[in-house]
Protein backbone atom coordinates (compact mmCIF):
# COMPACT_ATOMS: atom_id res chain seq x y z
CA UNK A 1 89.29 36.51 138.26
CA UNK A 2 88.69 32.87 137.69
CA UNK A 3 85.16 31.92 136.80
CA UNK A 4 83.47 28.90 138.34
CA UNK A 5 83.84 27.11 135.00
CA UNK A 6 87.60 27.76 134.92
CA UNK A 7 88.00 26.44 138.46
CA UNK A 8 85.98 23.34 137.60
CA UNK A 9 88.13 22.78 134.50
CA UNK A 10 91.33 22.91 136.56
CA UNK A 11 89.93 20.44 139.06
CA UNK A 12 88.68 18.14 136.30
CA UNK A 13 92.07 18.27 134.57
CA UNK A 14 93.92 17.23 137.72
CA UNK A 15 91.45 14.54 138.74
CA UNK A 16 90.92 12.98 135.33
CA UNK A 17 94.45 13.41 134.00
CA UNK A 18 95.55 9.93 134.98
CA UNK A 19 93.58 6.94 133.78
CA UNK A 20 93.21 3.84 135.91
CA UNK A 21 96.28 1.69 135.45
CA UNK A 22 98.64 4.60 134.79
CA UNK A 23 101.84 4.23 136.69
CA UNK A 24 102.51 5.89 138.99
CA UNK A 25 99.10 7.00 140.13
CA UNK A 26 99.26 10.37 141.94
CA UNK A 27 97.82 10.37 145.40
CA UNK A 28 94.73 12.36 146.20
CA UNK A 29 96.96 14.88 148.02
CA UNK A 30 99.27 15.21 145.00
CA UNK A 31 96.27 15.95 142.81
CA UNK A 32 94.97 18.55 145.28
CA UNK A 33 98.44 20.12 145.44
CA UNK A 34 98.44 20.38 141.64
CA UNK A 35 95.04 22.08 141.68
CA UNK A 36 96.22 24.56 144.31
CA UNK A 37 99.46 25.34 142.40
CA UNK A 38 97.63 25.95 139.13
CA UNK A 39 94.89 28.08 140.67
CA UNK A 40 97.43 30.08 142.71
CA UNK A 41 99.55 30.79 139.62
CA UNK A 42 96.48 31.99 137.73
CA UNK A 43 95.39 34.20 140.62
CA UNK A 44 98.89 35.70 140.97
CA UNK A 45 98.81 36.54 137.26
CA UNK A 46 95.43 38.23 137.81
CA UNK A 47 96.80 40.19 140.77
CA UNK A 48 99.78 41.41 138.73
CA UNK A 49 97.48 42.48 135.89
CA UNK A 50 95.13 44.29 138.28
CA UNK A 51 98.03 46.10 139.97
CA UNK A 52 99.26 47.33 136.59
CA UNK A 53 95.75 48.48 135.61
CA UNK A 54 95.35 50.23 138.98
CA UNK A 55 98.63 52.09 138.50
CA UNK A 56 97.49 53.22 135.05
CA UNK A 57 94.10 54.38 136.37
CA UNK A 58 95.71 56.33 139.22
CA UNK A 59 97.99 58.06 136.72
CA UNK A 60 94.98 58.98 134.58
CA UNK A 61 93.07 60.30 137.60
CA UNK A 62 96.12 62.35 138.63
CA UNK A 63 96.23 63.91 135.14
CA UNK A 64 92.49 64.60 134.94
CA UNK A 65 91.77 65.96 138.42
CA UNK A 66 91.53 69.74 138.71
CA UNK A 67 93.86 71.21 141.34
CA UNK A 68 91.42 74.04 142.03
CA UNK A 69 89.42 74.10 145.23
CA UNK A 70 85.74 73.27 145.37
CA UNK A 71 83.37 76.09 146.21
CA UNK A 72 79.71 75.47 146.69
CA UNK A 73 76.61 77.48 145.97
CA UNK A 74 73.64 77.74 148.33
CA UNK A 75 72.13 74.57 146.81
CA UNK A 76 75.27 72.52 147.50
CA UNK A 77 76.53 72.37 143.91
CA UNK A 78 80.25 72.67 143.25
CA UNK A 79 80.69 75.88 141.33
CA UNK A 80 84.44 75.38 141.18
CA UNK A 81 84.17 72.33 138.96
CA UNK A 82 80.72 72.64 137.43
CA UNK A 83 78.96 69.88 139.38
CA UNK A 84 75.86 71.89 140.11
CA UNK A 85 73.41 69.05 140.72
CA UNK A 86 75.13 67.40 143.68
CA UNK A 87 72.75 66.03 146.27
CA UNK A 88 73.25 66.71 149.99
CA UNK A 89 76.16 64.60 151.22
CA UNK A 90 77.58 63.99 147.73
CA UNK A 91 81.17 65.01 147.09
CA UNK A 92 82.43 66.75 144.05
CA UNK A 93 84.21 64.09 141.94
CA UNK A 94 87.37 66.23 141.97
CA UNK A 95 87.38 66.27 145.80
CA UNK A 96 86.82 62.49 145.87
CA UNK A 97 89.68 61.98 143.39
CA UNK A 98 92.01 64.15 145.47
CA UNK A 99 91.16 62.10 148.57
CA UNK A 100 91.84 58.89 146.67
CA UNK A 101 95.19 60.17 145.46
CA UNK A 102 96.25 61.62 148.81
CA UNK A 103 95.60 58.35 150.63
CA UNK A 104 97.36 56.11 148.14
CA UNK A 105 101.12 55.63 148.11
CA UNK A 106 101.01 54.29 144.52
CA UNK A 107 99.32 57.46 143.35
CA UNK A 108 102.50 59.43 143.99
CA UNK A 109 104.79 57.02 142.19
């Protein structure tokens, strides 16, 4: 993600790039278009990077999740996976991971 300082730097670069008297002077709209192009390119790079990281994390989750079923004791702890201190309403992390993987098309890639 772009920080506020990075965004300000892009804007400053496009609005201070041309000195008075430079020919031809870009219009205000041309400068704004340049800012938008540069910020969009940076954000698209971030999106690509995040997609790749997400794919890697889903693969790791798929490898680490236990295929066994949860079974709970009378206190609500998951005996099947050793999460004995779950609070009421909490899911076993293995059950949560299975839900994540089952609802995600990328997880099966």
